Every structure is written in structure tokens, then in C-alpha cells.
Protein backbone atom coordinates (compact mmCIF):
# COMPACT_ATOMS: atom_id res chain seq x y z
CA MET A 1 0.00 0.00 0.00
CA THR A 2 2.83 2.35 0.82
CA GLU A 3 4.40 1.83 -2.59
CA ALA A 4 1.06 2.54 -4.29
CA ARG A 5 0.74 6.00 -2.73
CA PRO A 6 -0.35 8.67 -3.30
CA PHE A 7 -3.98 7.85 -3.88
CA LYS A 8 -6.00 10.38 -5.81
CA THR A 9 -9.37 9.33 -4.42
CA LEU A 10 -10.87 7.16 -1.69
CA THR A 11 -12.09 4.83 -4.43
CA ASP A 12 -8.53 4.47 -5.72
CA LEU A 13 -7.33 3.60 -2.21
CA LEU A 14 -10.10 1.06 -1.64
CA GLU A 15 -9.60 -0.61 -5.03
CA THR A 16 -5.86 -0.89 -4.41
CA ALA A 17 -6.40 -2.36 -0.95
CA GLU A 18 -8.85 -4.90 -2.38
CA ARG A 19 -6.53 -5.89 -5.22
CA LEU A 20 -3.54 -6.27 -2.91
CA TRP A 21 -5.53 -8.26 -0.34
CA TRP A 22 -6.56 -10.85 -2.92
CA SER A 23 -2.97 -11.10 -4.21
CA LEU A 24 -1.73 -12.28 -0.79
CA LYS A 25 -1.15 -15.89 0.24
CA SER A 26 -3.33 -17.72 2.74
CA GLU A 27 -0.57 -17.39 5.37
CA ASP A 28 -0.92 -13.60 5.09
CA TRP A 29 -4.67 -13.83 5.56
CA LEU A 30 -4.20 -16.01 8.63
CA GLU A 31 -1.80 -13.44 10.08
CA ALA A 32 -4.42 -10.73 9.60
CA PHE A 33 -7.08 -12.88 11.27
CA ARG A 34 -4.93 -13.12 14.40
CA SER A 35 -5.30 -9.37 14.93
CA HIS A 36 -9.04 -9.80 15.57
CA PRO A 37 -10.66 -10.87 18.81
CA ARG A 38 -13.15 -13.69 18.62
CA ILE A 39 -16.75 -12.54 18.34
CA GLY A 40 -17.86 -11.81 21.90
CA GLU A 41 -14.33 -11.33 23.21
CA LYS A 42 -12.16 -8.24 23.57
CA LYS A 43 -8.59 -9.48 23.13
CA ALA A 44 -7.00 -10.61 19.89
CA GLU A 45 -4.28 -13.25 19.65
CA ILE A 46 -1.76 -10.55 18.72
CA GLN A 47 -1.68 -7.00 20.01
CA GLN A 48 -3.97 -4.47 18.27
CA SER A 49 -3.65 -0.72 18.12
CA ALA A 50 -5.95 1.28 20.38
CA ALA A 51 -7.95 2.40 17.33
CA ALA A 52 -8.37 -1.20 16.11
CA GLN A 53 -9.54 -2.29 19.58
CA GLU A 54 -12.08 0.54 19.68
CA TRP A 55 -13.35 -0.20 16.17
CA SER A 56 -13.66 -3.89 16.98
CA GLN A 57 -15.73 -3.10 20.08
CA GLN A 58 -17.96 -0.76 18.07
CA GLU A 59 -18.41 -3.36 15.33
CA GLN A 60 -19.35 -5.99 17.89
CA SER A 61 -21.51 -3.67 19.99
CA GLU A 62 -24.56 -5.92 19.57
CA VAL A 63 -22.78 -8.61 21.59
CA GLY A 64 -23.07 -6.45 24.70
CA ASP A 65 -26.84 -6.93 24.69
CA ALA A 66 -26.69 -10.71 24.27
CA THR A 67 -28.12 -13.10 26.82
CA GLU A 68 -25.78 -15.33 28.82
CA GLU A 69 -27.08 -18.28 26.80
CA THR A 70 -26.20 -16.59 23.50
CA LEU A 71 -22.76 -15.58 24.79
CA GLN A 72 -22.11 -19.18 25.79
CA ALA A 73 -23.27 -20.38 22.36
CA LEU A 74 -20.84 -17.91 20.74
CA ALA A 75 -17.98 -19.09 22.95
CA ASP A 76 -18.77 -22.73 22.16
CA GLY A 77 -19.12 -21.97 18.45
CA ASN A 78 -15.86 -19.99 18.38
CA ARG A 79 -14.05 -22.89 20.03
CA GLU A 80 -15.55 -25.45 17.64
CA TYR A 81 -14.78 -23.26 14.62
CA HIS A 82 -11.14 -22.82 15.68
CA GLU A 83 -10.75 -26.55 16.27
CA ARG A 84 -12.26 -27.32 12.85
CA PHE A 85 -10.45 -24.72 10.74
CA GLY A 86 -7.40 -23.67 12.76
CA PHE A 87 -8.23 -19.96 12.70
CA ILE A 88 -10.80 -17.70 14.33
CA PHE A 89 -14.28 -17.06 12.99
CA ILE A 90 -14.17 -13.78 11.05
CA VAL A 91 -17.34 -11.92 10.18
CA CYS A 92 -17.90 -8.28 9.31
CA ALA A 93 -19.98 -7.61 12.43
CA SER A 94 -21.06 -4.03 11.62
CA GLY A 95 -24.82 -3.81 11.47
CA LYS A 96 -25.35 -7.46 12.38
CA SER A 97 -27.20 -8.69 15.42
CA VAL A 98 -25.54 -11.19 17.71
CA GLU A 99 -28.11 -13.76 16.56
CA GLU A 100 -27.12 -13.17 12.92
CA MET A 101 -23.45 -13.59 13.74
CA LEU A 102 -24.16 -16.80 15.65
CA SER A 103 -26.23 -18.09 12.75
CA PHE A 104 -23.41 -17.32 10.29
CA LEU A 105 -20.94 -19.10 12.57
CA ARG A 106 -23.09 -22.21 12.78
CA THR A 107 -23.74 -22.27 9.04
CA ARG A 108 -20.09 -21.79 8.16
CA LEU A 109 -19.04 -24.68 10.39
CA GLY A 110 -20.39 -26.91 7.59
CA ASN A 111 -17.93 -25.56 5.01
CA GLU A 112 -14.78 -27.24 3.76
CA LYS A 113 -11.58 -25.61 5.06
CA ASN A 114 -10.46 -24.09 1.73
CA GLU A 115 -13.93 -22.68 1.06
CA GLU A 116 -14.14 -21.27 4.57
CA LEU A 117 -10.73 -19.64 4.31
CA LYS A 118 -11.92 -17.75 1.21
CA ILE A 119 -15.16 -16.71 2.96
CA ALA A 120 -13.19 -15.52 6.00
CA ALA A 121 -10.83 -13.60 3.69
CA ALA A 122 -13.82 -11.90 2.05
CA GLU A 123 -15.14 -10.93 5.49
CA GLN A 124 -11.69 -9.53 6.37
CA ALA A 125 -11.70 -7.53 3.13
CA ALA A 126 -15.08 -6.04 4.09
CA ILE A 127 -13.75 -5.15 7.56
CA THR A 128 -10.68 -3.53 6.03
CA LYS A 129 -12.82 -1.46 3.66
CA LEU A 130 -14.99 -0.21 6.54
CA ARG A 131 -11.96 0.66 8.64
CA LEU A 132 -10.19 2.49 5.83
CA GLU A 133 -13.35 4.53 5.28
CA LYS A 134 -13.52 5.30 9.05
CA LEU A 135 -9.85 6.23 9.14
CA LEU A 136 -10.25 8.74 6.33
CA THR A 137 -13.56 10.24 7.43
CA GLN A 138 -12.91 10.76 11.15
């Protein structure tokens, strides 16, 4: 991204980010996933910036209103997902209810690993797009 600068427009920036994301290897995607907390949790596997932590909490704000039963179902689902695929469940949580996120998690548990990795990468791309837009409009 640094080498592609300067960007003339936000659209140019977003298109470049998207193109570069999809040119990366799966190991790079997995590294990016580790900077996210599991849905319903606050800490990521690797340290996040203060802004990333705040954005993550905002994006997952619906989780704060979840029942204890739903929170337990998320924790169980997160654990099962990680055991099955070897990486955390990634979903672009903005605008989604906790029930929607839990439903997506349960549905995606039925995917094959390679298919799920691509779905998770697409979710990460959506998160990146939202965060770039936030970064440039705040």
C-alpha cells in the first residue's frame, strides 16, 4: 500500500487495498485474522492498536446486549470453529445482530476448510474497507 501511494481518491485507495488483499497468500490472511478478537471477546491473539480495539468493540456492539445463553453459544461456536479450521471465525460484524453472527458461525461450520478460508478472507476484506473509510472520514 505504501508503494502505491499517493492515492487520488478514496475509491482508488479502496480498489488498491482490495486488489492487494486478494494477491496475498493464505498465510498472510491467517496473520491478519490473528489481529481480531473472537466474536464476543475483547482481546485478539496478537496485540492491536488502540484504534483497532475501539473499532472492533464498536463493530461488535450488539454482543453487549446478548443473553448469557447466547454468549455461551458464541464461545462454544468460536471454540468449535477454531478446532475445525485452525483460525478464528471472522465476520464483518457491523450492522449485524448477535443472533445473525451466531447463525453465520453455525452455518459456516459446515464448510470445507479451503472454502471457509476464502469466505473468511472476504469478510476480512469487508472489515478492512470499513476501517479504511472510518480512518479517512474521522
